[in-house]
């Protein structure tokens, strides 16, 4: 009916309203409690007075920001064109070093840090990260106690062109006690291993878990006996979501959920998706391709830990479905942190086009067409 908002538009407007309110409250809180100087570092500082953007040569690293003393990054915005460099969001790596450490606390593909969906800038709005209007925005509060270094490495054989960025931060006085700093780690498991869950995060230290971004593609052949399991638990390929998360805090009793989409506060394979809210959402969901992309930020329900935190994610019931998983885990912790494993290569990080799900749908359609043809023939023969 005319005049009624479309569902997706209504969800987006609701998310935008909630986000605007959170941002307003945050700005008012900062304005009332701090007299610290606000400073912005931009790509103009790195590119020269007459050039607003920067270029990073093949297999080169650019230090986009180096800060000293104590402070707090409150806004990190960037944009880069996809045309002519379609793998740029996967081929480029963001690294952030806090407090003089030599091991990065943030190490992810550039696009994955901002929750790009399968390496593509599909629009979404949340309280922590935003992809909209051609830009990428991080609103995680990122305190540093004794300096910060932000770098972007171009692991492609071609130049990274026309990168624009702005980093806004507050200068703060020296702290008597160090604050926990933001950490973000990328992982990919392709294919998953039968009987073994996916490792999301393994953290040693004190802090809190802050969120998860996840891309899933099905690799299983669900069109097989017993056929009663095609709908459940195989879910026509989305049965990967039947696997649940397990969180273990300080080596205590594990807490397990009821399914992946339930952890991301959705249900029934993200029925009605895609959708976005300030704290959780699903930016892609397709039964045809067997793909799902989802995020959850623990804005109001962070998971604290004093000594350690571990999180795993099952792929299907009893880890019996094969898939391709890419994820970024976000958390805060006191430095020092345990160094991350070596990041996979740019080629290993790129999104593969998997045909398992489309081929099975093609088989289904072919079988239905054949049955229809046989039924039509018998009906005509009977005349």
Protein backbone atom coordinates (compact mmCIF):
# COMPACT_ATOMS: atom_id res chain seq x y z
CA UNK A 1 0.00 0.00 0.00
CA UNK A 2 1.18 3.51 -0.74
CA UNK A 3 2.48 5.52 2.17
CA UNK A 4 3.63 2.52 4.18
CA UNK A 5 7.42 2.13 4.63
CA UNK A 6 9.06 -0.88 3.05
CA UNK A 7 10.42 -3.40 5.63
CA UNK A 8 14.09 -2.99 4.75
CA UNK A 9 13.77 0.80 4.71
CA UNK A 10 11.99 0.75 8.06
CA UNK A 11 14.73 -1.37 9.61
CA UNK A 12 17.43 0.90 8.19
CA UNK A 13 15.66 4.02 9.48
CA UNK A 14 15.28 2.43 12.92
CA UNK A 15 18.97 1.51 12.98
CA UNK A 16 19.96 5.00 11.88
CA UNK A 17 17.77 6.56 14.58
CA UNK A 18 19.21 4.35 17.32
CA UNK A 19 22.75 4.96 16.14
CA UNK A 20 22.22 8.72 16.00
CA UNK A 21 20.92 8.67 19.56
CA UNK A 22 23.90 6.65 20.79
CA UNK A 23 26.32 8.97 19.01
CA UNK A 24 24.55 12.03 20.43
CA UNK A 25 24.78 10.65 23.96
CA UNK A 26 28.44 9.75 23.45
CA UNK A 27 29.32 13.20 22.12
CA UNK A 28 27.52 14.92 24.97
CA UNK A 29 29.29 12.65 27.48
CA UNK A 30 32.71 13.45 26.02
CA UNK A 31 31.93 17.16 25.79
CA UNK A 32 30.90 17.30 29.44
CA UNK A 33 33.76 15.23 30.85
CA UNK A 34 36.83 16.24 28.86
CA UNK A 35 38.75 19.38 28.08
CA UNK A 36 41.35 17.46 26.07
CA UNK A 37 42.33 18.68 22.64
CA UNK A 38 40.75 16.99 19.62
CA UNK A 39 43.13 16.37 16.70
CA UNK A 40 42.56 14.93 13.22
CA UNK A 41 45.20 13.15 11.12
CA UNK A 42 44.24 12.82 7.45
CA UNK A 43 45.55 11.50 4.16
CA UNK A 44 46.48 15.12 3.35
CA UNK A 45 49.12 14.91 6.08
CA UNK A 46 50.62 11.85 4.40
CA UNK A 47 50.03 12.82 0.75
CA UNK A 48 51.19 16.41 0.81
CA UNK A 49 49.47 19.83 0.95
CA UNK A 50 48.04 19.60 -2.58
CA UNK A 51 47.05 15.93 -2.54
CA UNK A 52 44.12 14.63 -0.49
CA UNK A 53 44.70 10.94 -1.12
CA UNK A 54 47.64 8.56 -0.88
CA UNK A 55 48.92 5.69 -2.99
CA UNK A 56 50.63 2.56 -1.65
CA UNK A 57 52.94 0.72 -4.00
CA UNK A 58 52.91 -3.04 -4.56
CA UNK A 59 54.03 -4.95 -1.47
CA UNK A 60 54.64 -1.66 0.35
CA UNK A 61 53.54 -0.53 3.81
CA UNK A 62 52.40 3.01 4.61
CA UNK A 63 52.38 4.34 8.18
CA UNK A 64 49.24 6.45 8.09
CA UNK A 65 49.35 7.65 11.70
CA UNK A 66 51.87 7.75 14.56
CA UNK A 67 50.82 9.18 17.91
CA UNK A 68 52.71 9.70 21.16
CA UNK A 69 51.69 9.81 24.80
CA UNK A 70 48.21 8.92 26.00
CA UNK A 71 45.02 9.51 24.09
CA UNK A 72 41.89 8.01 22.57
CA UNK A 73 40.98 7.49 18.93
CA UNK A 74 37.23 8.03 18.56
CA UNK A 75 36.81 8.15 14.78
CA UNK A 76 38.57 6.27 12.00
CA UNK A 77 37.12 6.89 8.54
CA UNK A 78 38.45 5.84 5.16
CA UNK A 79 37.35 5.30 1.58
CA UNK A 80 38.97 3.65 -1.41
CA UNK A 81 37.52 2.96 -4.88
CA UNK A 82 36.74 -0.62 -5.82
CA UNK A 83 36.65 0.00 -9.57
CA UNK A 84 39.95 -1.08 -11.09
CA UNK A 85 41.09 -2.74 -7.85
CA UNK A 86 38.26 -5.08 -6.91
CA UNK A 87 40.32 -7.11 -4.44
CA UNK A 88 41.63 -4.07 -2.55
CA UNK A 89 39.58 -4.75 0.59
CA UNK A 90 41.09 -8.24 0.90
CA UNK A 91 44.59 -7.55 -0.47
CA UNK A 92 45.27 -4.66 1.95
CA UNK A 93 46.07 -5.30 5.61
CA UNK A 94 45.40 -2.92 8.51
CA UNK A 95 47.75 -3.16 11.49
CA UNK A 96 47.55 -1.15 14.71
CA UNK A 97 50.25 -1.16 17.38
CA UNK A 98 49.56 0.19 20.87
CA UNK A 99 51.95 1.41 23.54
CA UNK A 100 55.21 0.69 21.75
CA UNK A 101 54.57 -3.01 21.16
CA UNK A 102 56.23 -4.71 18.21
CA UNK A 103 53.35 -7.18 17.70
CA UNK A 104 50.14 -5.66 16.25
CA UNK A 105 46.98 -5.67 18.35
CA UNK A 106 44.87 -5.24 15.22
CA UNK A 107 45.74 -7.28 12.13
CA UNK A 108 42.97 -7.82 9.60
CA UNK A 109 42.26 -7.29 5.91
CA UNK A 110 41.30 -3.63 5.51
CA UNK A 111 37.71 -4.31 4.47
CA UNK A 112 37.09 -7.02 7.06
CA UNK A 113 37.99 -4.66 9.91
CA UNK A 114 35.09 -2.42 8.81
CA UNK A 115 32.77 -5.43 8.30
CA UNK A 116 32.80 -5.42 4.49
CA UNK A 117 30.62 -8.32 3.33
CA UNK A 118 32.62 -10.97 1.45
CA UNK A 119 35.07 -8.25 0.44
CA UNK A 120 32.29 -6.00 -0.88
CA UNK A 121 31.04 -2.69 0.57
CA UNK A 122 27.41 -3.69 1.17
CA UNK A 123 25.75 -0.89 3.17
CA UNK A 124 24.99 -1.35 6.86
CA UNK A 125 24.78 0.89 9.94
CA UNK A 126 25.74 -0.16 13.47
CA UNK A 127 26.89 1.44 16.70
CA UNK A 128 30.50 0.40 16.14
CA UNK A 129 31.10 0.14 12.40
CA UNK A 130 29.41 1.66 9.37
CA UNK A 131 29.66 1.01 5.64
CA UNK A 132 27.51 3.55 3.82
CA UNK A 133 27.64 6.29 1.22
CA UNK A 134 30.96 5.10 -0.18
CA UNK A 135 32.76 5.40 3.17
CA UNK A 136 33.91 3.09 5.95
CA UNK A 137 33.65 4.29 9.54
CA UNK A 138 34.95 2.84 12.81
CA UNK A 139 33.50 4.21 16.04
CA UNK A 140 35.16 1.78 18.44
CA UNK A 141 36.74 3.78 21.24
CA UNK A 142 40.47 3.08 20.90
CA UNK A 143 42.47 4.27 23.92
CA UNK A 144 46.27 4.22 23.89
CA UNK A 145 48.49 4.66 26.93
CA UNK A 146 51.90 5.34 25.45
CA UNK A 147 51.66 5.87 21.71
CA UNK A 148 49.87 4.36 18.72
CA UNK A 149 50.92 3.38 15.20
CA UNK A 150 48.49 2.64 12.34
CA UNK A 151 49.78 1.05 9.14
CA UNK A 152 48.28 -0.27 5.92
CA UNK A 153 50.16 -2.84 3.84
CA UNK A 154 49.37 -3.41 0.18
CA UNK A 155 50.01 -7.10 -0.43
CA UNK A 156 48.90 -6.88 -4.06
CA UNK A 157 51.18 -6.81 -7.11
CA UNK A 158 49.39 -3.61 -8.20
CA UNK A 159 49.40 -0.15 -6.59
CA UNK A 160 46.68 0.70 -4.10
CA UNK A 161 45.30 3.97 -5.46
CA UNK A 162 43.22 6.83 -4.07
CA UNK A 163 43.08 5.94 -0.39
CA UNK A 164 41.50 8.69 1.71
CA UNK A 165 41.43 8.56 5.52
CA UNK A 166 40.74 10.61 8.64
CA UNK A 167 41.69 9.64 12.20
CA UNK A 168 40.21 11.74 14.99
CA UNK A 169 41.56 11.44 18.53
CA UNK A 170 41.73 13.19 21.90
CA UNK A 171 45.04 13.99 23.53
CA UNK A 172 44.88 12.94 27.18
CA UNK A 173 47.21 13.32 30.18
CA UNK A 174 49.42 10.43 31.26
CA UNK A 175 47.48 7.73 33.05
CA UNK A 176 48.40 6.26 36.42
CA UNK A 177 46.85 2.96 35.29
CA UNK A 178 46.85 1.64 31.73
CA UNK A 179 43.52 1.17 29.96
CA UNK A 180 42.74 -1.97 27.97
CA UNK A 181 43.24 -1.49 24.23
CA UNK A 182 41.25 -2.67 21.22
CA UNK A 183 42.28 -5.91 19.52
CA UNK A 184 40.97 -7.37 16.27
CA UNK A 185 42.08 -10.62 14.66
CA UNK A 186 41.16 -12.16 11.31
CA UNK A 187 40.80 -15.91 10.81
CA UNK A 188 39.78 -18.04 7.86
CA UNK A 189 39.07 -21.74 7.76
CA UNK A 190 38.44 -23.11 4.27
CA UNK A 191 37.37 -25.83 4.30
CA UNK A 192 36.25 -26.57 7.82
CA UNK A 193 37.32 -29.86 9.38
CA UNK A 194 34.76 -32.55 10.28
CA UNK A 195 34.30 -32.97 14.02
CA UNK A 196 36.35 -29.89 14.91
CA UNK A 197 34.85 -26.47 15.75
CA UNK A 198 36.19 -23.20 14.36
CA UNK A 199 38.44 -21.19 16.64
CA UNK A 200 37.06 -17.65 16.96
CA UNK A 201 39.33 -16.21 19.65
CA UNK A 202 41.90 -17.42 22.17
CA UNK A 203 42.92 -14.59 24.48
CA UNK A 204 45.35 -14.59 27.41
CA UNK A 205 45.08 -11.63 29.78
CA UNK A 206 42.43 -9.38 31.30
CA UNK A 207 39.75 -7.59 29.32
CA UNK A 208 36.40 -8.15 27.62
CA UNK A 209 35.06 -9.61 24.39
CA UNK A 210 33.50 -6.91 22.22
CA UNK A 211 32.12 -8.49 19.04
CA UNK A 212 32.31 -10.75 16.01
CA UNK A 213 31.92 -10.36 12.25
CA UNK A 214 31.40 -13.57 10.26
CA UNK A 215 31.18 -14.59 6.58
CA UNK A 216 30.01 -18.15 5.79
CA UNK A 217 29.77 -20.11 2.53
CA UNK A 218 28.42 -23.65 2.27
CA UNK A 219 30.61 -26.38 0.75
CA UNK A 220 28.45 -29.38 1.74
CA UNK A 221 26.37 -31.59 -0.52
CA UNK A 222 23.02 -31.49 1.27
CA UNK A 223 21.05 -33.14 -1.57
CA UNK A 224 21.69 -36.71 -0.42
CA UNK A 225 20.07 -39.44 1.71
CA UNK A 226 18.53 -39.43 4.19
CA UNK A 227 16.34 -36.92 2.37
CA UNK A 228 14.38 -36.05 5.51
CA UNK A 229 17.49 -34.15 6.70
CA UNK A 230 17.60 -31.86 3.64
CA UNK A 231 15.41 -29.22 5.29
CA UNK A 232 16.65 -29.88 8.83
CA UNK A 233 19.36 -30.04 9.97
CA UNK A 234 21.09 -29.37 6.61
CA UNK A 235 18.91 -26.34 5.96
CA UNK A 236 19.35 -26.45 2.15
CA UNK A 237 22.93 -25.40 2.75
CA UNK A 238 22.36 -22.92 5.58
CA UNK A 239 22.41 -25.75 8.11
CA UNK A 240 25.91 -24.54 8.97
CA UNK A 241 24.06 -22.11 11.23
CA UNK A 242 22.77 -25.01 13.32
CA UNK A 243 26.19 -25.05 14.98
CA UNK A 244 26.41 -23.03 18.18
CA UNK A 245 29.00 -20.84 19.84
CA UNK A 246 30.88 -21.91 22.96
CA UNK A 247 32.55 -19.35 25.24
CA UNK A 248 34.91 -20.25 28.07
CA UNK A 249 35.91 -17.55 30.54
CA UNK A 250 38.98 -17.98 32.76
CA UNK A 251 39.02 -21.73 32.18
CA UNK A 252 35.61 -22.20 33.83
CA UNK A 253 32.48 -23.97 32.69
CA UNK A 254 31.83 -23.45 28.95
CA UNK A 255 28.72 -21.52 27.97
CA UNK A 256 27.11 -22.83 24.79
CA UNK A 257 24.35 -21.28 22.69
CA UNK A 258 21.58 -22.70 20.53
CA UNK A 259 22.77 -21.81 17.02
CA UNK A 260 24.89 -19.34 15.12
CA UNK A 261 22.02 -17.12 13.97
CA UNK A 262 20.76 -17.13 17.57
CA UNK A 263 24.13 -15.77 18.76
CA UNK A 264 23.75 -12.97 16.20
CA UNK A 265 20.24 -12.33 17.62
CA UNK A 266 18.45 -13.60 14.52
CA UNK A 267 16.36 -16.71 14.03
CA UNK A 268 15.29 -19.36 11.54
CA UNK A 269 18.32 -18.81 9.29
CA UNK A 270 17.88 -15.02 9.53
CA UNK A 271 14.31 -15.12 8.23
CA UNK A 272 13.48 -11.91 6.39
CA UNK A 273 17.16 -10.87 6.17
CA UNK A 274 19.24 -8.97 5.37
CA UNK A 275 18.72 -6.45 8.19
CA UNK A 276 20.81 -4.21 10.42
CA UNK A 277 20.48 -2.81 13.95
CA UNK A 278 22.98 -0.90 16.12
CA UNK A 279 24.21 -4.06 17.86
CA UNK A 280 23.59 -6.96 15.46
CA UNK A 281 22.55 -7.76 11.93
CA UNK A 282 22.79 -9.87 8.82
CA UNK A 283 24.17 -8.08 5.75
CA UNK A 284 23.85 -11.03 3.33
CA UNK A 285 21.79 -14.20 3.30
CA UNK A 286 21.04 -16.47 0.33
CA UNK A 287 19.66 -19.99 0.13
CA UNK A 288 20.69 -20.09 -3.54
CA UNK A 289 24.40 -19.49 -2.92
CA UNK A 290 24.53 -20.78 0.66
CA UNK A 291 26.09 -17.52 1.89
CA UNK A 292 25.55 -15.62 5.13
CA UNK A 293 27.30 -12.56 6.57
CA UNK A 294 26.46 -11.39 10.09
CA UNK A 295 27.78 -9.21 12.90
CA UNK A 296 27.23 -8.70 16.61
CA UNK A 297 28.75 -6.07 18.87
CA UNK A 298 28.52 -6.53 22.64
CA UNK A 299 27.66 -2.87 23.26
CA UNK A 300 25.46 -3.51 26.31
CA UNK A 301 26.64 -7.03 27.18
CA UNK A 302 30.46 -7.28 26.98
CA UNK A 303 31.92 -10.57 28.19
CA UNK A 304 34.58 -9.80 30.84
CA UNK A 305 37.51 -12.07 31.62
CA UNK A 306 40.32 -11.85 34.15
CA UNK A 307 42.78 -14.44 32.87
CA UNK A 308 41.63 -15.90 29.56
CA UNK A 309 38.83 -16.09 27.04
CA UNK A 310 38.14 -18.74 24.41
CA UNK A 311 35.38 -18.87 21.83
CA UNK A 312 34.62 -21.51 19.21
CA UNK A 313 31.85 -21.90 16.65
CA UNK A 314 30.43 -25.18 15.38
CA UNK A 315 29.70 -25.67 11.67
CA UNK A 316 26.44 -27.60 11.57
CA UNK A 317 25.24 -30.07 14.17
CA UNK A 318 28.23 -32.01 15.54
CA UNK A 319 30.47 -30.07 13.14
CA UNK A 320 29.34 -32.28 10.27
CA UNK A 321 28.84 -29.70 7.49
CA UNK A 322 31.71 -28.38 5.41
CA UNK A 323 31.98 -24.67 4.87
CA UNK A 324 34.20 -21.66 4.25
CA UNK A 325 34.43 -19.35 7.29
CA UNK A 326 36.04 -15.90 7.46
CA UNK A 327 35.76 -13.90 10.66
CA UNK A 328 37.07 -10.97 12.67
CA UNK A 329 36.93 -11.10 16.48
CA UNK A 330 37.05 -7.83 18.46
CA UNK A 331 38.05 -7.52 22.10
CA UNK A 332 39.76 -5.26 24.62
CA UNK A 333 42.58 -6.36 26.88
CA UNK A 334 45.47 -5.08 28.94
CA UNK A 335 48.77 -5.22 27.13
CA UNK A 336 50.87 -7.17 26.49
CA UNK A 337 48.88 -9.60 24.36
CA UNK A 338 49.79 -12.95 22.91
CA UNK A 339 51.18 -12.46 19.36
CA UNK A 340 48.81 -13.52 16.56
CA UNK A 341 49.58 -16.40 14.19
CA UNK A 342 50.92 -15.45 10.77
CA UNK A 343 48.20 -13.89 8.63
CA UNK A 344 47.15 -15.85 5.56
CA UNK A 345 48.28 -14.58 2.15
CA UNK A 346 46.19 -12.17 0.08
CA UNK A 347 45.22 -14.95 -2.33
CA UNK A 348 44.13 -17.17 0.56
CA UNK A 349 41.97 -14.35 1.94
CA UNK A 350 40.07 -13.65 -1.28
CA UNK A 351 36.49 -14.82 -1.61
CA UNK A 352 36.07 -18.03 -3.60
CA UNK A 353 33.02 -18.52 -5.82
CA UNK A 354 31.59 -21.80 -4.54
CA UNK A 355 29.17 -23.69 -6.77
CA UNK A 356 28.04 -26.41 -4.36
CA UNK A 357 24.74 -24.76 -3.47
CA UNK A 358 23.75 -23.47 -6.95
CA UNK A 359 24.51 -26.87 -8.49
CA UNK A 360 22.27 -28.64 -5.99
CA UNK A 361 19.44 -26.22 -6.68
CA UNK A 362 19.97 -26.85 -10.40
CA UNK A 363 19.67 -30.59 -9.78
CA UNK A 364 16.46 -30.00 -7.80
CA UNK A 365 14.95 -27.89 -10.56
CA UNK A 366 15.97 -30.46 -13.18
CA UNK A 367 14.31 -33.23 -11.18
CA UNK A 368 11.13 -31.19 -10.75
CA UNK A 369 11.09 -30.39 -14.46
CA UNK A 370 11.54 -34.08 -15.28
CA UNK A 371 8.71 -35.09 -12.93
CA UNK A 372 6.46 -32.43 -14.42
CA UNK A 373 7.29 -33.68 -17.90
CA UNK A 374 6.53 -37.29 -16.95
CA UNK A 375 3.26 -36.29 -15.28
CA UNK A 376 2.22 -34.27 -18.33
CA UNK A 377 3.09 -37.15 -20.66
CA UNK A 378 1.07 -39.65 -18.58
CA UNK A 379 -1.88 -37.28 -18.44
CA UNK A 380 -1.86 -36.87 -22.21
CA UNK A 381 -1.30 -40.60 -22.72
CA UNK A 382 -4.32 -41.35 -20.55
CA UNK A 383 -6.57 -39.43 -22.89
